[in-house]
Amino acid sequence: MEGKIGKVLVVDDDENIAEVIKMYLESSGYDTKVCHDGKEAEKEFSKYKPDLVLLDIMLPHIDGVDVLKWIRKDSMIPIIMLTAKGDTFDKVLALELGADDYIVKPFEPKELLARVKAVLRRYNADSDNKEVLKFDSLVVDVNSYSVLYKEQEIKMPPKEFELLYYLASNKNRVFTREQLLCEVWGYDYPGDSRTVDVHVKRLREKLEGGSNWQIQTVWGVGYKFEVK
């Protein structure tokens, strides 16, 4: 087995599922810590300092949505939500609150591993030759995954940042939702176009738009980062 390639915190109240996930992650080289309720998850997150969290929505004591909100107060590390519900509201809510991905139980371990690798790869992507984008009141720095808006740093989950960067680095070009899913989330991402809508909504809530730019809806097509 290759050396450790990341630390993953697995939070699931089903001990059997958690142990199976742990086994597959460790066999792929990930250092893995498991906990079974929301209160324990918050303690372990602070101590363990993971690179990624696999977080079940339905948890004892503190549910997964509240744990997600708690993590997002101070950290932008990738979070993949696990849910047995398959309920659209849960998925959209998780994405609105800052989750990077979700996977519905039951799932194949290979699919889960592929999602973990894809999210970490995008989060830790080599950014040596990528540029800093500057617009009126807005600076998007892919090297540090940071956004400055009106001279204030704006916290964003990785997927929100990557969507903003992709649109802004292709200014005035219109993309369909399907194109954005493919380019930002990956061609094998099983989500639907509502994922893009949720992330655009969150970006607009954080960034009102400058005097010469805005994230524009092109009705019947998709979105563009319009620069006048």
Protein backbone atom coordinates (compact mmCIF):
# COMPACT_ATOMS: atom_id res chain seq x y z
CA MET A 1 0.00 0.00 0.00
CA GLU A 2 1.18 3.47 -0.83
CA GLY A 3 1.80 6.08 1.86
CA LYS A 4 -1.07 7.95 3.43
CA ILE A 5 -2.68 10.30 0.94
CA GLY A 6 -5.19 12.09 3.14
CA LYS A 7 -7.14 12.03 6.39
CA VAL A 8 -10.85 11.26 6.23
CA LEU A 9 -13.34 11.60 9.08
CA VAL A 10 -16.26 9.19 8.65
CA VAL A 11 -19.42 10.12 10.58
CA ASP A 12 -22.21 7.53 10.43
CA ASP A 13 -24.39 6.11 13.19
CA ASP A 14 -24.51 2.72 11.46
CA GLU A 15 -21.37 1.07 12.83
CA ASN A 16 -21.31 -1.61 10.14
CA ILE A 17 -21.48 0.90 7.29
CA ALA A 18 -18.86 3.09 8.97
CA GLU A 19 -16.46 0.18 9.38
CA VAL A 20 -16.90 -0.94 5.77
CA ILE A 21 -16.16 2.61 4.57
CA LYS A 22 -13.14 2.75 6.88
CA MET A 23 -11.82 -0.53 5.51
CA TYR A 24 -12.09 0.58 1.89
CA LEU A 25 -10.57 3.99 2.57
CA GLU A 26 -7.62 2.55 4.48
CA SER A 27 -7.01 -0.06 1.79
CA SER A 28 -6.68 2.87 -0.64
CA GLY A 29 -4.16 4.66 1.56
CA TYR A 30 -6.36 7.09 3.48
CA ASP A 31 -5.86 7.61 7.20
CA THR A 32 -9.38 7.23 8.59
CA LYS A 33 -11.17 8.09 11.82
CA VAL A 34 -14.74 6.96 12.57
CA CYS A 35 -17.38 8.40 14.90
CA HIS A 36 -21.08 7.71 15.25
CA ASP A 37 -22.89 10.86 16.41
CA GLY A 38 -22.83 14.58 15.74
CA LYS A 39 -21.45 15.63 19.11
CA GLU A 40 -18.54 13.22 18.80
CA ALA A 41 -17.99 14.37 15.20
CA GLU A 42 -17.45 17.98 16.27
CA LYS A 43 -14.92 16.94 18.92
CA GLU A 44 -13.05 14.64 16.53
CA PHE A 45 -13.03 17.23 13.76
CA SER A 46 -11.20 19.69 16.00
CA LYS A 47 -8.68 17.09 17.20
CA TYR A 48 -8.16 15.04 14.04
CA LYS A 49 -8.09 17.92 11.50
CA PRO A 50 -9.21 15.81 8.52
CA ASP A 51 -8.72 16.63 4.85
CA LEU A 52 -12.25 15.46 4.02
CA VAL A 53 -15.42 14.54 5.95
CA LEU A 54 -17.94 11.86 4.98
CA LEU A 55 -20.99 13.00 6.94
CA ASP A 56 -24.30 11.16 7.37
CA ILE A 57 -27.35 13.43 7.53
CA MET A 58 -29.28 11.41 10.13
CA LEU A 59 -27.19 11.34 13.34
CA PRO A 60 -27.91 11.13 17.09
CA HIS A 61 -27.52 14.19 19.35
CA ILE A 62 -26.59 16.65 16.58
CA ASP A 63 -27.74 15.89 13.05
CA GLY A 64 -25.48 16.02 10.00
CA VAL A 65 -26.90 19.29 8.69
CA ASP A 66 -26.03 21.06 11.95
CA VAL A 67 -22.55 19.49 11.95
CA LEU A 68 -22.11 20.72 8.37
CA LYS A 69 -23.09 24.27 9.39
CA TRP A 70 -20.75 24.08 12.40
CA ILE A 71 -17.78 23.01 10.24
CA ARG A 72 -18.50 25.68 7.62
CA LYS A 73 -18.22 28.46 10.21
CA ASP A 74 -14.43 28.05 10.21
CA SER A 75 -13.40 25.52 7.58
CA MET A 76 -13.77 25.06 3.83
CA ILE A 77 -12.45 21.49 3.67
CA PRO A 78 -14.43 19.14 1.38
CA ILE A 79 -17.55 17.50 2.85
CA ILE A 80 -19.48 14.68 1.19
CA MET A 81 -22.91 14.04 2.69
CA LEU A 82 -24.26 10.52 3.08
CA THR A 83 -28.03 10.03 3.09
CA ALA A 84 -30.39 7.11 2.96
CA LYS A 85 -33.33 9.32 2.12
CA GLY A 86 -32.70 10.30 -1.48
CA ASP A 87 -34.97 13.22 -0.74
CA THR A 88 -34.43 16.21 -3.04
CA PHE A 89 -34.87 18.67 -0.16
CA ASP A 90 -32.06 17.06 1.80
CA LYS A 91 -29.70 17.17 -1.18
CA VAL A 92 -30.46 20.78 -2.06
CA LEU A 93 -30.28 21.87 1.57
CA ALA A 94 -26.90 20.18 2.01
CA LEU A 95 -25.52 21.86 -1.11
CA GLU A 96 -26.92 25.24 -0.09
CA LEU A 97 -25.21 24.93 3.29
CA GLY A 98 -21.84 24.18 1.73
CA ALA A 99 -21.53 20.45 1.07
CA ASP A 100 -19.35 19.59 -1.92
CA ASP A 101 -21.10 16.40 -2.92
CA TYR A 102 -23.65 13.88 -1.68
CA ILE A 103 -24.11 10.16 -2.15
CA VAL A 104 -27.31 8.21 -1.51
CA LYS A 105 -27.30 4.91 0.36
CA PRO A 106 -26.99 2.13 -0.56
CA PHE A 107 -23.86 2.84 -2.61
CA GLU A 108 -21.02 0.80 -4.03
CA PRO A 109 -17.72 1.28 -2.15
CA LYS A 110 -15.97 1.87 -5.48
CA GLU A 111 -18.35 4.74 -6.22
CA LEU A 112 -17.66 6.28 -2.81
CA LEU A 113 -13.90 5.98 -3.31
CA ALA A 114 -14.20 7.60 -6.73
CA ARG A 115 -16.12 10.53 -5.22
CA VAL A 116 -13.56 10.94 -2.42
CA LYS A 117 -10.66 10.92 -4.88
CA ALA A 118 -12.40 13.34 -7.25
CA VAL A 119 -13.29 15.85 -4.53
CA LEU A 120 -9.79 15.76 -3.00
CA ARG A 121 -8.14 15.95 -6.40
CA ARG A 122 -10.09 19.06 -7.29
CA TYR A 123 -9.51 20.61 -3.88
CA ASN A 124 -5.77 19.93 -3.95
CA ALA A 125 -5.28 20.48 -7.67
CA ASP A 126 -1.90 21.81 -8.70
CA SER A 127 -2.37 25.53 -9.26
CA ASP A 128 1.17 26.62 -10.16
CA ASN A 129 0.26 28.24 -13.45
CA LYS A 130 -3.22 29.45 -12.70
CA GLU A 131 -3.96 33.13 -12.65
CA VAL A 132 -5.45 35.55 -10.17
CA LEU A 133 -8.63 37.01 -11.64
CA LYS A 134 -9.37 40.66 -10.88
CA PHE A 135 -12.56 42.58 -11.55
CA ASP A 136 -14.23 45.60 -10.00
CA SER A 137 -14.35 44.94 -6.23
CA LEU A 138 -13.57 41.23 -6.81
CA VAL A 139 -10.37 39.17 -6.67
CA VAL A 140 -10.49 35.41 -7.29
CA ASP A 141 -7.20 33.72 -6.37
CA VAL A 142 -7.10 30.04 -7.32
CA ASN A 143 -3.63 29.62 -5.80
CA SER A 144 -5.00 30.15 -2.30
CA TYR A 145 -8.66 29.28 -3.06
CA SER A 146 -9.62 32.70 -1.75
CA VAL A 147 -12.10 35.37 -2.82
CA LEU A 148 -11.87 39.03 -1.89
CA TYR A 149 -15.01 41.08 -2.43
CA LYS A 150 -14.97 44.78 -1.56
CA GLU A 151 -11.67 44.08 0.23
CA GLN A 152 -13.29 41.48 2.51
CA GLU A 153 -12.47 37.78 2.32
CA ILE A 154 -15.56 35.75 1.40
CA LYS A 155 -15.65 32.18 2.65
CA MET A 156 -16.76 29.65 0.07
CA PRO A 157 -16.89 25.86 -0.06
CA PRO A 158 -14.59 24.45 -2.78
CA LYS A 159 -17.41 23.83 -5.27
CA GLU A 160 -18.73 27.38 -5.02
CA PHE A 161 -15.22 28.70 -5.55
CA GLU A 162 -14.55 26.41 -8.50
CA LEU A 163 -17.80 27.39 -10.18
CA LEU A 164 -17.03 31.09 -9.72
CA TYR A 165 -13.48 30.64 -11.00
CA TYR A 166 -14.60 28.66 -14.03
CA LEU A 167 -17.25 31.20 -15.01
CA ALA A 168 -14.99 34.21 -14.36
CA SER A 169 -12.04 32.73 -16.23
CA ASN A 170 -14.36 32.30 -19.24
CA LYS A 171 -15.98 35.72 -19.02
CA ASN A 172 -18.90 36.51 -21.33
CA ARG A 173 -19.13 32.87 -22.43
CA VAL A 174 -22.48 31.16 -21.91
CA PHE A 175 -22.50 27.65 -20.41
CA THR A 176 -25.39 25.26 -20.08
CA ARG A 177 -26.00 23.67 -16.69
CA GLU A 178 -24.89 20.35 -18.12
CA GLN A 179 -21.60 21.86 -19.32
CA LEU A 180 -20.97 23.34 -15.87
CA LEU A 181 -21.74 20.02 -14.19
CA CYS A 182 -19.23 18.33 -16.47
CA GLU A 183 -16.47 20.94 -16.13
CA VAL A 184 -16.78 21.77 -12.43
CA TRP A 185 -18.17 18.59 -10.87
CA GLY A 186 -16.73 16.07 -13.35
CA TYR A 187 -18.23 14.20 -16.27
CA ASP A 188 -19.16 11.21 -14.09
CA TYR A 189 -21.02 13.30 -11.48
CA PRO A 190 -24.51 11.80 -11.01
CA GLY A 191 -26.20 15.02 -9.90
CA ASP A 192 -28.68 17.08 -11.92
CA SER A 193 -28.89 20.67 -13.11
CA ARG A 194 -30.41 21.86 -9.82
CA THR A 195 -26.96 21.45 -8.30
CA VAL A 196 -25.70 24.28 -10.52
CA ASP A 197 -28.72 26.46 -9.70
CA VAL A 198 -28.14 26.02 -5.97
CA HIS A 199 -24.49 27.04 -6.24
CA VAL A 200 -25.24 30.06 -8.44
CA LYS A 201 -27.86 31.16 -5.91
CA ARG A 202 -25.29 30.93 -3.12
CA LEU A 203 -22.71 32.89 -5.13
CA ARG A 204 -25.21 35.65 -5.80
CA GLU A 205 -26.07 35.87 -2.11
CA LYS A 206 -22.38 36.41 -1.29
CA LEU A 207 -21.46 38.58 -4.28
CA GLU A 208 -23.89 41.32 -5.26
CA GLY A 209 -22.01 42.13 -8.47
CA GLY A 210 -19.68 44.97 -9.35
CA SER A 211 -20.24 47.98 -11.57
CA ASN A 212 -19.03 46.11 -14.63
CA TRP A 213 -19.67 42.42 -13.91
CA GLN A 214 -22.39 40.03 -12.77
CA ILE A 215 -23.32 36.35 -12.87
CA GLN A 216 -25.99 36.47 -15.53
CA THR A 217 -28.79 33.99 -16.20
CA VAL A 218 -29.25 33.34 -19.91
CA TRP A 219 -32.84 32.13 -20.01
CA GLY A 220 -33.35 28.78 -21.66
CA VAL A 221 -29.59 28.18 -21.82
CA GLY A 222 -27.65 28.57 -18.58
CA TYR A 223 -25.24 31.08 -17.03
CA LYS A 224 -22.36 33.40 -17.84
CA PHE A 225 -20.03 35.72 -15.98
CA GLU A 226 -20.79 38.94 -17.83
CA VAL A 227 -18.16 41.68 -17.96
CA LYS A 228 -19.19 44.94 -19.60
